[in-house]
Amino acid sequence: MNEIESYIASQLEERRQVLEPVHAAISRALPEYTPAMSYGMPTYKSGKNVIHFAAQKKHLGIYPGPETIEHFAQELALYKTSKGAVQIPVDQPIPLDLIAAMAVWSYRRVRGLPEE
């Protein structure tokens, strides 16, 4: 069990039901990553931090960084955002495809790869 899986396993069942699909979506989307904990959150690294997520009481926090938030601003218009974070209410469907797309875009940015 890696650090991300340990974090998820330590959560209450209702939070695990949100976190497990997010972890699976990001893991499938990224070609390579190192699982880690950073700032107390599950973190996907590829040399540098690519994306983080965390369970909050009433929302799922996704932390892909400010460039990714700006790039996906239109798709994120339904959610509360800040400079580098997205809050997705846990009582709404979790947009796994959007989270995966943000992870890929962040990965490509961190690795210095061109946009597709």
PDB file of N, CA and C in Angstrom:
ATOM      1  N   MET A   1       0.863  -1.173   0.000  1.00  0.00           N
ATOM      2  CA  MET A   1       0.000   0.000   0.000  1.00  0.00           C
ATOM      3  C   MET A   1       0.909   1.235   0.000  1.00  0.00           C
ATOM      4  N   ASN A   2       0.668   2.151  -0.950  1.00  0.00           N
ATOM      5  CA  ASN A   2       1.484   3.372  -0.983  1.00  0.00           C
ATOM      6  C   ASN A   2       0.866   4.447  -0.078  1.00  0.00           C
ATOM      7  N   GLU A   3       1.530   5.597   0.005  1.00  0.00           N
ATOM      8  CA  GLU A   3       1.093   6.652   0.925  1.00  0.00           C
ATOM      9  C   GLU A   3      -0.303   7.174   0.609  1.00  0.00           C
ATOM     10  N   ILE A   4      -0.632   7.289  -0.659  1.00  0.00           N
ATOM     11  CA  ILE A   4      -1.963   7.769  -1.049  1.00  0.00           C
ATOM     12  C   ILE A   4      -3.026   6.768  -0.621  1.00  0.00           C
ATOM     13  N   GLU A   5      -2.770   5.499  -0.894  1.00  0.00           N
ATOM     14  CA  GLU A   5      -3.733   4.463  -0.513  1.00  0.00           C
ATOM     15  C   GLU A   5      -3.901   4.383   0.998  1.00  0.00           C
ATOM     16  N   SER A   6      -2.818   4.585   1.738  1.00  0.00           N
ATOM     17  CA  SER A   6      -2.901   4.596   3.205  1.00  0.00           C
ATOM     18  C   SER A   6      -3.757   5.757   3.698  1.00  0.00           C
ATOM     19  N   TYR A   7      -3.570   6.929   3.086  1.00  0.00           N
ATOM     20  CA  TYR A   7      -4.382   8.102   3.441  1.00  0.00           C
ATOM     21  C   TYR A   7      -5.862   7.803   3.204  1.00  0.00           C
ATOM     22  N   ILE A   8      -6.185   7.272   2.046  1.00  0.00           N
ATOM     23  CA  ILE A   8      -7.582   6.969   1.717  1.00  0.00           C
ATOM     24  C   ILE A   8      -8.148   5.943   2.701  1.00  0.00           C
ATOM     25  N   ALA A   9      -7.378   4.897   2.978  1.00  0.00           N
ATOM     26  CA  ALA A   9      -7.842   3.845   3.895  1.00  0.00           C
ATOM     27  C   ALA A   9      -8.106   4.380   5.300  1.00  0.00           C
ATOM     28  N   SER A  10      -7.430   5.452   5.681  1.00  0.00           N
ATOM     29  CA  SER A  10      -7.592   6.001   7.028  1.00  0.00           C
ATOM     30  C   SER A  10      -8.828   6.899   7.176  1.00  0.00           C
ATOM     31  N   GLN A  11      -9.491   7.192   6.072  1.00  0.00           N
ATOM     32  CA  GLN A  11     -10.636   8.102   6.090  1.00  0.00           C
ATOM     33  C   GLN A  11     -11.930   7.368   6.440  1.00  0.00           C
ATOM     34  N   LEU A  12     -12.934   8.125   6.843  1.00  0.00           N
ATOM     35  CA  LEU A  12     -14.267   7.574   7.071  1.00  0.00           C
ATOM     36  C   LEU A  12     -14.813   7.028   5.752  1.00  0.00           C
ATOM     37  N   GLU A  13     -15.709   6.065   5.847  1.00  0.00           N
ATOM     38  CA  GLU A  13     -16.270   5.408   4.654  1.00  0.00           C
ATOM     39  C   GLU A  13     -16.840   6.405   3.655  1.00  0.00           C
ATOM     40  N   GLU A  14     -17.590   7.394   4.129  1.00  0.00           N
ATOM     41  CA  GLU A  14     -18.206   8.360   3.206  1.00  0.00           C
ATOM     42  C   GLU A  14     -17.141   9.136   2.432  1.00  0.00           C
ATOM     43  N   ARG A  15     -16.008   9.408   3.044  1.00  0.00           N
ATOM     44  CA  ARG A  15     -14.926  10.106   2.338  1.00  0.00           C
ATOM     45  C   ARG A  15     -14.186   9.160   1.398  1.00  0.00           C
ATOM     46  N   ARG A  16     -14.002   7.913   1.822  1.00  0.00           N
ATOM     47  CA  ARG A  16     -13.346   6.921   0.943  1.00  0.00           C
ATOM     48  C   ARG A  16     -14.124   6.761  -0.354  1.00  0.00           C
ATOM     49  N   GLN A  17     -15.457   6.826  -0.278  1.00  0.00           N
ATOM     50  CA  GLN A  17     -16.274   6.673  -1.484  1.00  0.00           C
ATOM     51  C   GLN A  17     -16.035   7.797  -2.483  1.00  0.00           C
ATOM     52  N   VAL A  18     -15.584   8.941  -2.025  1.00  0.00           N
ATOM     53  CA  VAL A  18     -15.236  10.063  -2.901  1.00  0.00           C
ATOM     54  C   VAL A  18     -13.776   9.952  -3.344  1.00  0.00           C
ATOM     55  N   LEU A  19     -12.899   9.620  -2.415  1.00  0.00           N
ATOM     56  CA  LEU A  19     -11.463   9.634  -2.683  1.00  0.00           C
ATOM     57  C   LEU A  19     -10.992   8.490  -3.578  1.00  0.00           C
ATOM     58  N   GLU A  20     -11.537   7.302  -3.411  1.00  0.00           N
ATOM     59  CA  GLU A  20     -11.075   6.152  -4.196  1.00  0.00           C
ATOM     60  C   GLU A  20     -11.244   6.367  -5.699  1.00  0.00           C
ATOM     61  N   PRO A  21     -12.413   6.839  -6.180  1.00  0.00           N
ATOM     62  CA  PRO A  21     -12.527   7.060  -7.628  1.00  0.00           C
ATOM     63  C   PRO A  21     -11.618   8.181  -8.137  1.00  0.00           C
ATOM     64  N   VAL A  22     -11.371   9.191  -7.296  1.00  0.00           N
ATOM     65  CA  VAL A  22     -10.467  10.279  -7.687  1.00  0.00           C
ATOM     66  C   VAL A  22      -9.054   9.727  -7.846  1.00  0.00           C
ATOM     67  N   HIS A  23      -8.614   8.955  -6.878  1.00  0.00           N
ATOM     68  CA  HIS A  23      -7.285   8.341  -6.955  1.00  0.00           C
ATOM     69  C   HIS A  23      -7.171   7.458  -8.201  1.00  0.00           C
ATOM     70  N   ALA A  24      -8.184   6.652  -8.459  1.00  0.00           N
ATOM     71  CA  ALA A  24      -8.161   5.763  -9.625  1.00  0.00           C
ATOM     72  C   ALA A  24      -8.103   6.569 -10.927  1.00  0.00           C
ATOM     73  N   ALA A  25      -8.891   7.635 -11.014  1.00  0.00           N
ATOM     74  CA  ALA A  25      -8.920   8.450 -12.239  1.00  0.00           C
ATOM     75  C   ALA A  25      -7.572   9.118 -12.494  1.00  0.00           C
ATOM     76  N   ILE A  26      -6.972   9.689 -11.453  1.00  0.00           N
ATOM     77  CA  ILE A  26      -5.675  10.348 -11.625  1.00  0.00           C
ATOM     78  C   ILE A  26      -4.599   9.314 -11.949  1.00  0.00           C
ATOM     79  N   SER A  27      -4.611   8.190 -11.267  1.00  0.00           N
ATOM     80  CA  SER A  27      -3.611   7.147 -11.500  1.00  0.00           C
ATOM     81  C   SER A  27      -3.660   6.642 -12.943  1.00  0.00           C
ATOM     82  N   ARG A  28      -4.866   6.457 -13.463  1.00  0.00           N
ATOM     83  CA  ARG A  28      -5.007   6.005 -14.866  1.00  0.00           C
ATOM     84  C   ARG A  28      -4.547   7.071 -15.845  1.00  0.00           C
ATOM     85  N   ALA A  29      -4.772   8.323 -15.499  1.00  0.00           N
ATOM     86  CA  ALA A  29      -4.492   9.422 -16.425  1.00  0.00           C
ATOM     87  C   ALA A  29      -3.008   9.745 -16.558  1.00  0.00           C
ATOM     88  N   LEU A  30      -2.264   9.551 -15.485  1.00  0.00           N
ATOM     89  CA  LEU A  30      -0.858   9.952 -15.506  1.00  0.00           C
ATOM     90  C   LEU A  30       0.031   8.819 -15.994  1.00  0.00           C
ATOM     91  N   PRO A  31       0.909   9.114 -16.953  1.00  0.00           N
ATOM     92  CA  PRO A  31       1.792   8.078 -17.488  1.00  0.00           C
ATOM     93  C   PRO A  31       2.816   7.586 -16.476  1.00  0.00           C
ATOM     94  N   GLU A  32       3.248   8.469 -15.605  1.00  0.00           N
ATOM     95  CA  GLU A  32       4.175   8.079 -14.541  1.00  0.00           C
ATOM     96  C   GLU A  32       4.051   9.092 -13.417  1.00  0.00           C
ATOM     97  N   TYR A  33       4.126   8.594 -12.216  1.00  0.00           N
ATOM     98  CA  TYR A  33       4.089   9.489 -11.066  1.00  0.00           C
ATOM     99  C   TYR A  33       4.652   8.757  -9.868  1.00  0.00           C
ATOM    100  N   THR A  34       5.040   9.527  -8.885  1.00  0.00           N
ATOM    101  CA  THR A  34       5.472   8.995  -7.607  1.00  0.00           C
ATOM    102  C   THR A  34       4.422   9.396  -6.579  1.00  0.00           C
ATOM    103  N   PRO A  35       3.804   8.416  -5.910  1.00  0.00           N
ATOM    104  CA  PRO A  35       2.829   8.769  -4.877  1.00  0.00           C
ATOM    105  C   PRO A  35       3.546   9.319  -3.652  1.00  0.00           C
ATOM    106  N   ALA A  36       2.950  10.332  -3.051  1.00  0.00           N
ATOM    107  CA  ALA A  36       3.553  10.955  -1.878  1.00  0.00           C
ATOM    108  C   ALA A  36       2.473  11.661  -1.071  1.00  0.00           C
ATOM    109  N   MET A  37       2.866  12.115   0.088  1.00  0.00           N
ATOM    110  CA  MET A  37       2.029  13.001   0.880  1.00  0.00           C
ATOM    111  C   MET A  37       2.779  14.323   0.962  1.00  0.00           C
ATOM    112  N   SER A  38       2.093  15.397   0.675  1.00  0.00           N
ATOM    113  CA  SER A  38       2.689  16.723   0.745  1.00  0.00           C
ATOM    114  C   SER A  38       1.618  17.669   1.276  1.00  0.00           C
ATOM    115  N   TYR A  39       1.976  18.507   2.221  1.00  0.00           N
ATOM    116  CA  TYR A  39       1.014  19.401   2.873  1.00  0.00           C
ATOM    117  C   TYR A  39      -0.135  18.601   3.490  1.00  0.00           C
ATOM    118  N   GLY A  40       0.126  17.353   3.884  1.00  0.00           N
ATOM    119  CA  GLY A  40      -0.888  16.499   4.488  1.00  0.00           C
ATOM    120  C   GLY A  40      -1.903  15.947   3.507  1.00  0.00           C
ATOM    121  N   MET A  41      -1.598  16.051   2.201  1.00  0.00           N
ATOM    122  CA  MET A  41      -2.542  15.619   1.172  1.00  0.00           C
ATOM    123  C   MET A  41      -1.896  14.591   0.241  1.00  0.00           C
ATOM    124  N   PRO A  42      -2.705  13.683  -0.316  1.00  0.00           N
ATOM    125  CA  PRO A  42      -2.188  12.812  -1.366  1.00  0.00           C
ATOM    126  C   PRO A  42      -1.658  13.667  -2.521  1.00  0.00           C
ATOM    127  N   THR A  43      -0.466  13.329  -2.965  1.00  0.00           N
ATOM    128  CA  THR A  43       0.218  14.114  -3.981  1.00  0.00           C
ATOM    129  C   THR A  43       0.790  13.189  -5.036  1.00  0.00           C
ATOM    130  N   TYR A  44       0.663  13.607  -6.274  1.00  0.00           N
ATOM    131  CA  TYR A  44       1.242  12.887  -7.403  1.00  0.00           C
ATOM    132  C   TYR A  44       2.407  13.734  -7.877  1.00  0.00           C
ATOM    133  N   LYS A  45       3.600  13.131  -7.898  1.00  0.00           N
ATOM    134  CA  LYS A  45       4.806  13.865  -8.268  1.00  0.00           C
ATOM    135  C   LYS A  45       5.400  13.260  -9.535  1.00  0.00           C
ATOM    136  N   SER A  46       6.027  14.106 -10.289  1.00  0.00           N
ATOM    137  CA  SER A  46       6.861  13.678 -11.410  1.00  0.00           C
ATOM    138  C   SER A  46       8.026  14.660 -11.448  1.00  0.00           C
ATOM    139  N   GLY A  47       8.964  14.466 -10.544  1.00  0.00           N
ATOM    140  CA  GLY A  47      10.020  15.439 -10.340  1.00  0.00           C
ATOM    141  C   GLY A  47       9.529  16.544  -9.416  1.00  0.00           C
ATOM    142  N   LYS A  48       8.430  17.177  -9.761  1.00  0.00           N
ATOM    143  CA  LYS A  48       7.775  18.212  -8.961  1.00  0.00           C
ATOM    144  C   LYS A  48       6.347  17.756  -8.670  1.00  0.00           C
ATOM    145  N   ASN A  49       5.671  18.480  -7.797  1.00  0.00           N
ATOM    146  CA  ASN A  49       4.269  18.178  -7.525  1.00  0.00           C
ATOM    147  C   ASN A  49       3.442  18.413  -8.778  1.00  0.00           C
ATOM    148  N   VAL A  50       2.592  17.452  -9.106  1.00  0.00           N
ATOM    149  CA  VAL A  50       1.703  17.560 -10.267  1.00  0.00           C
ATOM    150  C   VAL A  50       0.310  17.989  -9.817  1.00  0.00           C
ATOM    151  N   ILE A  51      -0.257  17.264  -8.858  1.00  0.00           N
ATOM    152  CA  ILE A  51      -1.615  17.546  -8.395  1.00  0.00           C
ATOM    153  C   ILE A  51      -1.789  16.916  -7.012  1.00  0.00           C
ATOM    154  N   HIS A  52      -2.597  17.560  -6.179  1.00  0.00           N
ATOM    155  CA  HIS A  52      -2.938  17.062  -4.840  1.00  0.00           C
ATOM    156  C   HIS A  52      -4.462  16.974  -4.751  1.00  0.00           C
ATOM    157  N   PHE A  53      -4.941  16.188  -3.797  1.00  0.00           N
ATOM    158  CA  PHE A  53      -6.364  16.230  -3.468  1.00  0.00           C
ATOM    159  C   PHE A  53      -6.533  15.934  -1.991  1.00  0.00           C
ATOM    160  N   ALA A  54      -7.679  16.314  -1.454  1.00  0.00           N
ATOM    161  CA  ALA A  54      -7.946  16.052  -0.040  1.00  0.00           C
ATOM    162  C   ALA A  54      -9.440  16.092   0.221  1.00  0.00           C
ATOM    163  N   ALA A  55      -9.859  15.279   1.169  1.00  0.00           N
ATOM    164  CA  ALA A  55     -11.250  15.259   1.601  1.00  0.00           C
ATOM    165  C   ALA A  55     -11.449  16.323   2.661  1.00  0.00           C
ATOM    166  N   GLN A  56     -12.398  17.179   2.444  1.00  0.00           N
ATOM    167  CA  GLN A  56     -12.797  18.162   3.440  1.00  0.00           C
ATOM    168  C   GLN A  56     -14.198  17.761   3.922  1.00  0.00           C
ATOM    169  N   LYS A  57     -14.723  18.472   4.887  1.00  0.00           N
ATOM    170  CA  LYS A  57     -16.017  18.085   5.453  1.00  0.00           C
ATOM    171  C   LYS A  57     -17.138  18.108   4.406  1.00  0.00           C
ATOM    172  N   LYS A  58     -17.198  19.169   3.608  1.00  0.00           N
ATOM    173  CA  LYS A  58     -18.306  19.312   2.663  1.00  0.00           C
ATOM    174  C   LYS A  58     -17.873  19.378   1.198  1.00  0.00           C
ATOM    175  N   HIS A  59     -16.574  19.240   0.963  1.00  0.00           N
ATOM    176  CA  HIS A  59     -16.123  19.285  -0.426  1.00  0.00           C
ATOM    177  C   HIS A  59     -14.852  18.450  -0.614  1.00  0.00           C
ATOM    178  N   LEU A  60     -14.586  18.167  -1.855  1.00  0.00           N
ATOM    179  CA  LEU A  60     -13.342  17.545  -2.275  1.00  0.00           C
ATOM    180  C   LEU A  60     -12.456  18.674  -2.769  1.00  0.00           C
ATOM    181  N   GLY A  61     -11.263  18.779  -2.222  1.00  0.00           N
ATOM    182  CA  GLY A  61     -10.323  19.793  -2.677  1.00  0.00           C
ATOM    183  C   GLY A  61      -9.371  19.196  -3.697  1.00  0.00           C
ATOM    184  N   ILE A  62      -9.250  19.850  -4.832  1.00  0.00           N
ATOM    185  CA  ILE A  62      -8.302  19.466  -5.880  1.00  0.00           C
ATOM    186  C   ILE A  62      -7.332  20.631  -6.013  1.00  0.00           C
ATOM    187  N   TYR A  63      -6.038  20.326  -5.992  1.00  0.00           N
ATOM    188  CA  TYR A  63      -5.014  21.366  -5.974  1.00  0.00           C
ATOM    189  C   TYR A  63      -4.015  21.127  -7.111  1.00  0.00           C
ATOM    190  N   PRO A  64      -4.345  21.591  -8.323  1.00  0.00           N
ATOM    191  CA  PRO A  64      -3.452  21.366  -9.462  1.00  0.00           C
ATOM    192  C   PRO A  64      -2.493  22.523  -9.738  1.00  0.00           C
ATOM    193  N   GLY A  65      -2.624  23.612  -9.013  1.00  0.00           N
ATOM    194  CA  GLY A  65      -1.784  24.782  -9.237  1.00  0.00           C
ATOM    195  C   GLY A  65      -2.492  25.855 -10.038  1.00  0.00           C
ATOM    196  N   PRO A  66      -2.025  27.088  -9.942  1.00  0.00           N
ATOM    197  CA  PRO A  66      -2.712  28.223 -10.570  1.00  0.00           C
ATOM    198  C   PRO A  66      -2.777  28.169 -12.090  1.00  0.00           C
ATOM    199  N   GLU A  67      -1.728  27.663 -12.738  1.00  0.00           N
ATOM    200  CA  GLU A  67      -1.748  27.609 -14.207  1.00  0.00           C
ATOM    201  C   GLU A  67      -2.847  26.681 -14.705  1.00  0.00           C
ATOM    202  N   THR A  68      -3.030  25.577 -14.011  1.00  0.00           N
ATOM    203  CA  THR A  68      -4.067  24.618 -14.407  1.00  0.00           C
ATOM    204  C   THR A  68      -5.455  25.193 -14.158  1.00  0.00           C
ATOM    205  N   ILE A  69      -5.641  25.863 -13.031  1.00  0.00           N
ATOM    206  CA  ILE A  69      -6.929  26.498 -12.738  1.00  0.00           C
ATOM    207  C   ILE A  69      -7.260  27.502 -13.845  1.00  0.00           C
ATOM    208  N   GLU A  70      -6.285  28.285 -14.232  1.00  0.00           N
ATOM    209  CA  GLU A  70      -6.495  29.277 -15.284  1.00  0.00           C
ATOM    210  C   GLU A  70      -6.818  28.599 -16.621  1.00  0.00           C
ATOM    211  N   HIS A  71      -6.080  27.544 -16.960  1.00  0.00           N
ATOM    212  CA  HIS A  71      -6.293  26.837 -18.227  1.00  0.00           C
ATOM    213  C   HIS A  71      -7.696  26.233 -18.309  1.00  0.00           C
ATOM    214  N   PHE A  72      -8.197  25.708 -17.198  1.00  0.00           N
ATOM    215  CA  PHE A  72      -9.501  25.041 -17.171  1.00  0.00           C
ATOM    216  C   PHE A  72     -10.611  25.933 -16.606  1.00  0.00           C
ATOM    217  N   ALA A  73     -10.416  27.230 -16.620  1.00  0.00           N
ATOM    218  CA  ALA A  73     -11.374  28.160 -16.003  1.00  0.00           C
ATOM    219  C   ALA A  73     -12.807  27.948 -16.497  1.00  0.00           C
ATOM    220  N   GLN A  74     -12.981  27.757 -17.777  1.00  0.00           N
ATOM    221  CA  GLN A  74     -14.330  27.584 -18.324  1.00  0.00           C
ATOM    222  C   GLN A  74     -14.984  26.315 -17.774  1.00  0.00           C
ATOM    223  N   GLU A  75     -14.252  25.214 -17.754  1.00  0.00           N
ATOM    224  CA  GLU A  75     -14.789  23.945 -17.257  1.00  0.00           C
ATOM    225  C   GLU A  75     -15.037  23.983 -15.747  1.00  0.00           C
ATOM    226  N   LEU A  76     -14.301  24.847 -15.053  1.00  0.00           N
ATOM    227  CA  LEU A  76     -14.415  24.939 -13.592  1.00  0.00           C
ATOM    228  C   LEU A  76     -15.407  26.001 -13.130  1.00  0.00           C
ATOM    229  N   ALA A  77     -16.098  26.632 -14.060  1.00  0.00           N
ATOM    230  CA  ALA A  77     -17.007  27.731 -13.721  1.00  0.00           C
ATOM    231  C   ALA A  77     -18.107  27.315 -12.738  1.00  0.00           C
ATOM    232  N   LEU A  78     -18.448  26.054 -12.691  1.00  0.00           N
ATOM    233  CA  LEU A  78     -19.501  25.571 -11.792  1.00  0.00           C
ATOM    234  C   LEU A  78     -19.028  25.413 -10.342  1.00  0.00           C
ATOM    235  N   TYR A  79     -17.712  25.507 -10.129  1.00  0.00           N
ATOM    236  CA  TYR A  79     -17.144  25.215  -8.818  1.00  0.00           C
ATOM    237  C   TYR A  79     -16.473  26.440  -8.225  1.00  0.00           C
ATOM    238  N   LYS A  80     -16.362  26.434  -6.911  1.00  0.00           N
ATOM    239  CA  LYS A  80     -15.615  27.485  -6.232  1.00  0.00           C
ATOM    240  C   LYS A  80     -14.125  27.212  -6.465  1.00  0.00           C
ATOM    241  N   THR A  81     -13.420  28.235  -6.928  1.00  0.00           N
ATOM    242  CA  THR A  81     -11.986  28.098  -7.162  1.00  0.00           C
ATOM    243  C   THR A  81     -11.246  29.244  -6.478  1.00  0.00           C
ATOM    244  N   SER A  82      -9.973  29.015  -6.261  1.00  0.00           N
ATOM    245  CA  SER A  82      -9.072  30.065  -5.797  1.00  0.00           C
ATOM    246  C   SER A  82      -7.839  29.978  -6.677  1.00  0.00           C
ATOM    247  N   LYS A  83      -6.802  30.649  -6.304  1.00  0.00           N
ATOM    248  CA  LYS A  83      -5.600  30.714  -7.144  1.00  0.00           C
ATOM    249  C   LYS A  83      -5.121  29.329  -7.595  1.00  0.00           C
ATOM    250  N   GLY A  84      -5.097  28.351  -6.712  1.00  0.00           N
ATOM    251  CA  GLY A  84      -4.587  27.040  -7.094  1.00  0.00           C
ATOM    252  C   GLY A  84      -5.439  25.873  -6.663  1.00  0.00           C
ATOM    253  N   ALA A  85      -6.714  26.132  -6.325  1.00  0.00           N
ATOM    254  CA  ALA A  85      -7.557  25.080  -5.767  1.00  0.00           C
ATOM    255  C   ALA A  85      -8.963  25.099  -6.355  1.00  0.00           C
ATOM    256  N   VAL A  86      -9.577  23.925  -6.325  1.00  0.00           N
ATOM    257  CA  VAL A  86     -10.970  23.754  -6.744  1.00  0.00           C
ATOM    258  C   VAL A  86     -11.694  23.058  -5.603  1.00  0.00           C
ATOM    259  N   GLN A  87     -12.887  23.537  -5.281  1.00  0.00           N
ATOM    260  CA  GLN A  87     -13.732  22.887  -4.282  1.00  0.00           C
ATOM    261  C   GLN A  87     -14.928  22.268  -4.992  1.00  0.00           C
ATOM    262  N   ILE A  88     -15.044  20.949  -4.882  1.00  0.00           N
ATOM    263  CA  ILE A  88     -16.155  20.225  -5.499  1.00  0.00           C
ATOM    264  C   ILE A  88     -17.030  19.703  -4.362  1.00  0.00           C
ATOM    265  N   PRO A  89     -18.261  20.209  -4.249  1.00  0.00           N
ATOM    266  CA  PRO A  89     -19.141  19.745  -3.163  1.00  0.00           C
ATOM    267  C   PRO A  89     -19.334  18.229  -3.228  1.00  0.00           C
ATOM    268  N   VAL A  90     -19.263  17.582  -2.081  1.00  0.00           N
ATOM    269  CA  VAL A  90     -19.378  16.121  -2.066  1.00  0.00           C
ATOM    270  C   VAL A  90     -20.798  15.640  -2.332  1.00  0.00           C
ATOM    271  N   ASP A  91     -21.772  16.550  -2.317  1.00  0.00           N
ATOM    272  CA  ASP A  91     -23.141  16.144  -2.625  1.00  0.00           C
ATOM    273  C   ASP A  91     -23.460  16.291  -4.110  1.00  0.00           C
ATOM    274  N   GLN A  92     -22.454  16.592  -4.928  1.00  0.00           N
ATOM    275  CA  GLN A  92     -22.604  16.666  -6.380  1.00  0.00           C
ATOM    276  C   GLN A  92     -21.746  15.568  -7.013  1.00  0.00           C
ATOM    277  N   PRO A  93     -22.079  15.177  -8.254  1.00  0.00           N
ATOM    278  CA  PRO A  93     -21.226  14.190  -8.922  1.00  0.00           C
ATOM    279  C   PRO A  93     -19.795  14.728  -9.054  1.00  0.00           C
ATOM    280  N   ILE A  94     -18.834  13.860  -8.807  1.00  0.00           N
ATOM    281  CA  ILE A  94     -17.425  14.254  -8.914  1.00  0.00           C
ATOM    282  C   ILE A  94     -17.020  14.149 -10.388  1.00  0.00           C
ATOM    283  N   PRO A  95     -16.528  15.231 -10.979  1.00  0.00           N
ATOM    284  CA  PRO A  95     -16.174  15.230 -12.412  1.00  0.00           C
ATOM    285  C   PRO A  95     -14.821  14.545 -12.654  1.00  0.00           C
ATOM    286  N   LEU A  96     -14.834  13.222 -12.629  1.00  0.00           N
ATOM    287  CA  LEU A  96     -13.591  12.453 -12.721  1.00  0.00           C
ATOM    288  C   LEU A  96     -12.832  12.712 -14.022  1.00  0.00           C
ATOM    289  N   ASP A  97     -13.556  12.855 -15.133  1.00  0.00           N
ATOM    290  CA  ASP A  97     -12.879  13.123 -16.407  1.00  0.00           C
ATOM    291  C   ASP A  97     -12.173  14.475 -16.378  1.00  0.00           C
ATOM    292  N   LEU A  98     -12.796  15.472 -15.781  1.00  0.00           N
ATOM    293  CA  LEU A  98     -12.181  16.791 -15.671  1.00  0.00           C
ATOM    294  C   LEU A  98     -10.960  16.737 -14.750  1.00  0.00           C
ATOM    295  N   ILE A  99     -11.068  16.035 -13.649  1.00  0.00           N
ATOM    296  CA  ILE A  99      -9.934  15.901 -12.728  1.00  0.00           C
ATOM    297  C   ILE A  99      -8.769  15.203 -13.436  1.00  0.00           C
ATOM    298  N   ALA A 100      -9.070  14.153 -14.184  1.00  0.00           N
ATOM    299  CA  ALA A 100      -8.022  13.444 -14.932  1.00  0.00           C
ATOM    300  C   ALA A 100      -7.390  14.359 -15.972  1.00  0.00           C
ATOM    301  N   ALA A 101      -8.205  15.147 -16.665  1.00  0.00           N
ATOM    302  CA  ALA A 101      -7.669  16.075 -17.672  1.00  0.00           C
ATOM    303  C   ALA A 101      -6.769  17.124 -17.018  1.00  0.00           C
ATOM    304  N   MET A 102      -7.157  17.622 -15.860  1.00  0.00           N
ATOM    305  CA  MET A 102      -6.311  18.584 -15.152  1.00  0.00           C
ATOM    306  C   MET A 102      -5.000  17.935 -14.720  1.00  0.00           C
ATOM    307  N   ALA A 103      -5.055  16.681 -14.276  1.00  0.00           N
ATOM    308  CA  ALA A 103      -3.834  15.973 -13.881  1.00  0.00           C
ATOM    309  C   ALA A 103      -2.887  15.831 -15.063  1.00  0.00           C
ATOM    310  N   VAL A 104      -3.422  15.455 -16.225  1.00  0.00           N
ATOM    311  CA  VAL A 104      -2.586  15.297 -17.422  1.00  0.00           C
ATOM    312  C   VAL A 104      -1.983  16.637 -17.829  1.00  0.00           C
ATOM    313  N   TRP A 105      -2.799  17.684 -17.828  1.00  0.00           N
ATOM    314  CA  TRP A 105      -2.298  19.002 -18.220  1.00  0.00           C
ATOM    315  C   TRP A 105      -1.211  19.461 -17.252  1.00  0.00           C
ATOM    316  N   SER A 106      -1.431  19.257 -15.962  1.00  0.00           N
ATOM    317  CA  SER A 106      -0.431  19.630 -14.950  1.00  0.00           C
ATOM    318  C   SER A 106       0.852  18.820 -15.130  1.00  0.00           C
ATOM    319  N   TYR A 107       0.697  17.534 -15.392  1.00  0.00           N
ATOM    320  CA  TYR A 107       1.851  16.663 -15.624  1.00  0.00           C
ATOM    321  C   TYR A 107       2.677  17.180 -16.807  1.00  0.00           C
ATOM    322  N   ARG A 108       2.001  17.483 -17.906  1.00  0.00           N
ATOM    323  CA  ARG A 108       2.709  17.960 -19.105  1.00  0.00           C
ATOM    324  C   ARG A 108       3.413  19.293 -18.812  1.00  0.00           C
ATOM    325  N   ARG A 109       2.780  20.165 -18.057  1.00  0.00           N
ATOM    326  CA  ARG A 109       3.383  21.445 -17.695  1.00  0.00           C
ATOM    327  C   ARG A 109       4.620  21.228 -16.834  1.00  0.00           C
ATOM    328  N   VAL A 110       4.497  20.384 -15.814  1.00  0.00           N
ATOM    329  CA  VAL A 110       5.623  20.111 -14.911  1.00  0.00           C
ATOM    330  C   VAL A 110       6.787  19.481 -15.666  1.00  0.00           C
ATOM    331  N   ARG A 111       6.498  18.603 -16.611  1.00  0.00           N
ATOM    332  CA  ARG A 111       7.538  17.910 -17.372  1.00  0.00           C
ATOM    333  C   ARG A 111       8.069  18.744 -18.542  1.00  0.00           C
ATOM    334  N   GLY A 112       7.448  19.899 -18.791  1.00  0.00           N
ATOM    335  CA  GLY A 112       7.908  20.753 -19.897  1.00  0.00           C
ATOM    336  C   GLY A 112       7.531  20.201 -21.257  1.00  0.00           C
ATOM    337  N   LEU A 113       6.457  19.420 -21.313  1.00  0.00           N
ATOM    338  CA  LEU A 113       6.004  18.831 -22.572  1.00  0.00           C
ATOM    339  C   LEU A 113       5.011  19.777 -23.253  1.00  0.00           C
ATOM    340  N   PRO A 114       4.953  19.746 -24.581  1.00  0.00           N
ATOM    341  CA  PRO A 114       4.006  20.620 -25.289  1.00  0.00           C
ATOM    342  C   PRO A 114       2.565  20.187 -25.039  1.00  0.00           C
ATOM    343  N   GLU A 115       1.654  21.145 -25.154  1.00  0.00           N
ATOM    344  CA  GLU A 115       0.229  20.822 -25.020  1.00  0.00           C
ATOM    345  C   GLU A 115      -0.201  19.972 -26.211  1.00  0.00           C
ATOM    346  N   GLU A 116      -1.153  19.107 -25.964  1.00  0.00           N
ATOM    347  CA  GLU A 116      -1.681  18.287 -27.058  1.00  0.00           C
ATOM    348  C   GLU A 116      -2.846  18.960 -27.694  1.00  0.00           C
TER     349      GLU A 116
END
